[in-house]
C-alpha cells in the first residue's frame, strides 16, 4: 500500500478541529480530557476509527485528502465523540443515545453514523454472489470465509443463501 503524505496544513486543520471540539467537552463537563493521538493509517472504506482504550483516532489518509473540509467537519467530531462517550459513560452502543447526545449537545455537530464520501479510490476487489432476487458483491475477506466453509451469507431481502457466481470463461 502506498503511503499517502498528509500536508502539514491539513494536519494542522485536523488538530485545530480536534482541539476546538475537545475544548467544548472540557467546558461542558468542567473536566480535563487528554488530547487523543491521531494516526493516519485507517484502511478499507471507513473514514476513521476511535481506539477507546488507547485513546487514539485512526484516520483514512486517502479519504481525508479527497474530502478535506467535510472530513474535518464530520469525521473528527464523530470519532472524538466515541472517545468522550466511552470516558463519560463506559462501554455503550457505538452510535447509541450517549454518542448522539455527545455529538449534538456537547460537540454541536449533527449525529450521522456513516460518511457519504465517494469510496471508489479505496474500495478493494469484490466477488459476485446471487440469491433469488438480486446480485451481491462480497469483499475478499467474506469471499474467503465462504470458500473455507467458515461462513455463509444470506440476502436481507429474500433470506436465501448467497451463491458464488463462478467465472465460467477460461
Protein backbone atom coordinates (compact mmCIF):
# COMPACT_ATOMS: atom_id res chain seq x y z
CA UNK A 1 0.00 0.00 0.00
CA UNK A 2 1.40 3.38 -0.99
CA UNK A 3 1.86 5.74 1.91
CA UNK A 4 -0.15 8.93 1.48
CA UNK A 5 1.62 12.03 2.69
CA UNK A 6 -0.74 14.39 4.51
CA UNK A 7 0.29 18.04 4.01
CA UNK A 8 1.21 19.83 7.23
CA UNK A 9 -1.53 22.46 6.69
CA UNK A 10 -4.14 19.70 6.55
CA UNK A 11 -2.73 18.01 9.68
CA UNK A 12 -2.91 21.39 11.41
CA UNK A 13 -6.56 21.80 10.34
CA UNK A 14 -7.35 18.35 11.77
CA UNK A 15 -5.68 19.24 15.06
CA UNK A 16 -7.40 22.64 15.19
CA UNK A 17 -10.82 20.99 14.86
CA UNK A 18 -9.91 18.31 17.40
CA UNK A 19 -8.75 20.90 19.92
CA UNK A 20 -11.82 23.10 19.40
CA UNK A 21 -14.19 20.18 19.97
CA UNK A 22 -12.15 18.92 22.91
CA UNK A 23 -12.39 22.39 24.47
CA UNK A 24 -16.19 22.26 24.15
CA UNK A 25 -16.18 18.96 26.06
CA UNK A 26 -13.84 20.33 28.73
CA UNK A 27 -16.12 23.33 29.25
CA UNK A 28 -19.31 21.25 29.25
CA UNK A 29 -18.05 18.73 31.80
CA UNK A 30 -15.71 21.07 33.71
CA UNK A 31 -13.13 18.31 33.34
CA UNK A 32 -9.83 17.68 31.63
CA UNK A 33 -9.61 15.27 28.72
CA UNK A 34 -6.24 14.38 27.22
CA UNK A 35 -5.67 15.10 23.57
CA UNK A 36 -6.07 11.85 21.62
CA UNK A 37 -3.25 10.69 19.39
CA UNK A 38 -4.08 10.99 15.68
CA UNK A 39 -2.82 8.20 13.42
CA UNK A 40 -3.22 8.43 9.64
CA UNK A 41 -3.33 4.69 8.90
CA UNK A 42 -7.01 3.71 8.66
CA UNK A 43 -7.65 1.27 5.81
CA UNK A 44 -10.69 -0.06 3.99
CA UNK A 45 -13.69 2.18 3.44
CA UNK A 46 -14.06 3.55 6.98
CA UNK A 47 -13.08 7.20 7.28
CA UNK A 48 -11.93 6.76 10.86
CA UNK A 49 -11.94 4.63 13.97
CA UNK A 50 -11.78 5.53 17.65
CA UNK A 51 -9.49 3.27 19.66
CA UNK A 52 -11.10 3.63 23.07
CA UNK A 53 -8.52 2.11 25.40
CA UNK A 54 -5.53 3.53 23.51
CA UNK A 55 -7.22 6.98 23.33
CA UNK A 56 -6.38 7.23 19.64
CA UNK A 57 -8.18 8.27 16.49
CA UNK A 58 -7.16 6.48 13.29
CA UNK A 59 -7.96 8.37 10.09
CA UNK A 60 -8.04 7.21 6.48
CA UNK A 61 -5.40 9.31 4.68
CA UNK A 62 -6.85 8.89 1.17
CA UNK A 63 -10.40 9.80 2.21
CA UNK A 64 -9.02 12.76 4.16
CA UNK A 65 -7.11 14.03 1.12
CA UNK A 66 -10.14 13.60 -1.15
CA UNK A 67 -12.71 15.16 1.23
CA UNK A 68 -10.70 17.59 3.30
CA UNK A 69 -13.20 20.05 4.81
CA UNK A 70 -16.13 17.62 5.04
CA UNK A 71 -13.79 15.08 6.64
CA UNK A 72 -12.65 17.59 9.25
CA UNK A 73 -16.19 18.83 9.94
CA UNK A 74 -17.73 15.34 10.26
CA UNK A 75 -15.18 12.60 10.95
CA UNK A 76 -13.05 14.30 13.60
CA UNK A 77 -16.02 15.12 15.88
CA UNK A 78 -17.58 11.70 15.15
CA UNK A 79 -14.52 9.80 16.36
CA UNK A 80 -13.86 12.18 19.25
CA UNK A 81 -17.47 11.65 20.41
CA UNK A 82 -16.77 7.90 20.64
CA UNK A 83 -13.79 8.55 22.90
CA UNK A 84 -15.66 11.05 25.06
CA UNK A 85 -18.75 8.84 25.37
CA UNK A 86 -16.52 5.97 26.48
CA UNK A 87 -14.75 8.19 29.02
CA UNK A 88 -18.03 9.54 30.44
CA UNK A 89 -20.33 6.51 30.24
CA UNK A 90 -18.12 3.43 29.79
CA UNK A 91 -18.92 0.87 27.11
CA UNK A 92 -22.10 1.92 25.32
CA UNK A 93 -23.71 1.22 21.94
CA UNK A 94 -21.34 2.67 19.31
CA UNK A 95 -23.93 5.07 17.84
CA UNK A 96 -26.41 4.93 20.68
CA UNK A 97 -28.07 7.71 22.61
CA UNK A 98 -24.96 8.60 24.64
CA UNK A 99 -22.87 9.05 21.47
CA UNK A 100 -25.67 11.02 19.75
CA UNK A 101 -26.01 13.24 22.81
CA UNK A 102 -22.24 13.80 22.87
CA UNK A 103 -22.25 14.76 19.18
CA UNK A 104 -25.22 17.10 19.29
CA UNK A 105 -25.30 18.58 22.80
CA UNK A 106 -21.59 18.72 23.62
CA UNK A 107 -19.70 18.89 20.30
CA UNK A 108 -22.55 20.73 18.50
CA UNK A 109 -22.39 18.60 15.34
CA UNK A 110 -25.26 16.66 13.71
CA UNK A 111 -25.03 12.99 14.69
CA UNK A 112 -24.51 10.96 11.50
CA UNK A 113 -23.49 7.33 11.76
CA UNK A 114 -21.71 6.99 8.42
CA UNK A 115 -19.97 9.23 5.95
CA UNK A 116 -21.18 9.83 2.40
CA UNK A 117 -17.73 10.09 0.79
CA UNK A 118 -17.03 8.55 -2.61
CA UNK A 119 -15.04 5.38 -1.86
CA UNK A 120 -14.12 4.11 -5.33
CA UNK A 121 -10.45 5.02 -4.83
CA UNK A 122 -10.17 2.90 -1.66
CA UNK A 123 -12.54 0.06 -2.49
CA UNK A 124 -10.99 -3.37 -2.94
CA UNK A 125 -11.89 -6.18 -5.32
CA UNK A 126 -15.27 -7.79 -4.73
CA UNK A 127 -16.77 -11.11 -5.79
CA UNK A 128 -20.21 -11.57 -7.36
CA UNK A 129 -22.82 -13.63 -5.49
CA UNK A 130 -26.52 -14.07 -6.17
CA UNK A 131 -29.69 -15.04 -4.39
CA UNK A 132 -33.27 -15.39 -5.59
CA UNK A 133 -33.82 -11.67 -6.03
CA UNK A 134 -30.58 -9.86 -6.82
CA UNK A 135 -26.80 -9.88 -7.24
CA UNK A 136 -24.48 -9.01 -4.33
CA UNK A 137 -20.80 -8.08 -4.10
CA UNK A 138 -18.82 -9.69 -1.27
CA UNK A 139 -15.45 -8.46 -0.09
CA UNK A 140 -12.33 -10.60 -0.42
CA UNK A 141 -12.49 -11.36 3.32
CA UNK A 142 -16.11 -12.60 3.17
CA UNK A 143 -15.50 -14.50 -0.08
CA UNK A 144 -12.55 -16.32 1.52
CA UNK A 145 -14.65 -17.20 4.56
CA UNK A 146 -17.23 -18.78 2.25
CA UNK A 147 -14.53 -20.72 0.38
CA UNK A 148 -13.08 -22.05 3.65
CA UNK A 149 -16.56 -23.04 4.86
CA UNK A 150 -16.35 -20.70 7.86
CA UNK A 151 -19.34 -18.52 6.93
CA UNK A 152 -22.40 -18.32 4.78
CA UNK A 153 -24.29 -15.16 3.95
CA UNK A 154 -27.99 -14.60 3.30
CA UNK A 155 -29.86 -11.91 1.45
CA UNK A 156 -31.58 -9.39 3.73
CA UNK A 157 -34.47 -9.13 1.25
CA UNK A 158 -35.39 -12.74 0.38
CA UNK A 159 -33.42 -14.64 3.04
CA UNK A 160 -31.81 -17.02 0.53
CA UNK A 161 -28.22 -18.17 0.92
CA UNK A 162 -25.84 -16.24 -1.34
CA UNK A 163 -24.17 -18.36 -4.01
CA UNK A 164 -20.89 -17.51 -5.71
CA UNK A 165 -21.11 -16.73 -9.43
CA UNK A 166 -18.06 -18.55 -10.74
CA UNK A 167 -16.50 -17.19 -13.91
CA UNK A 168 -17.09 -19.91 -16.49
CA UNK A 169 -14.96 -18.45 -19.28
CA UNK A 170 -11.47 -19.96 -19.19
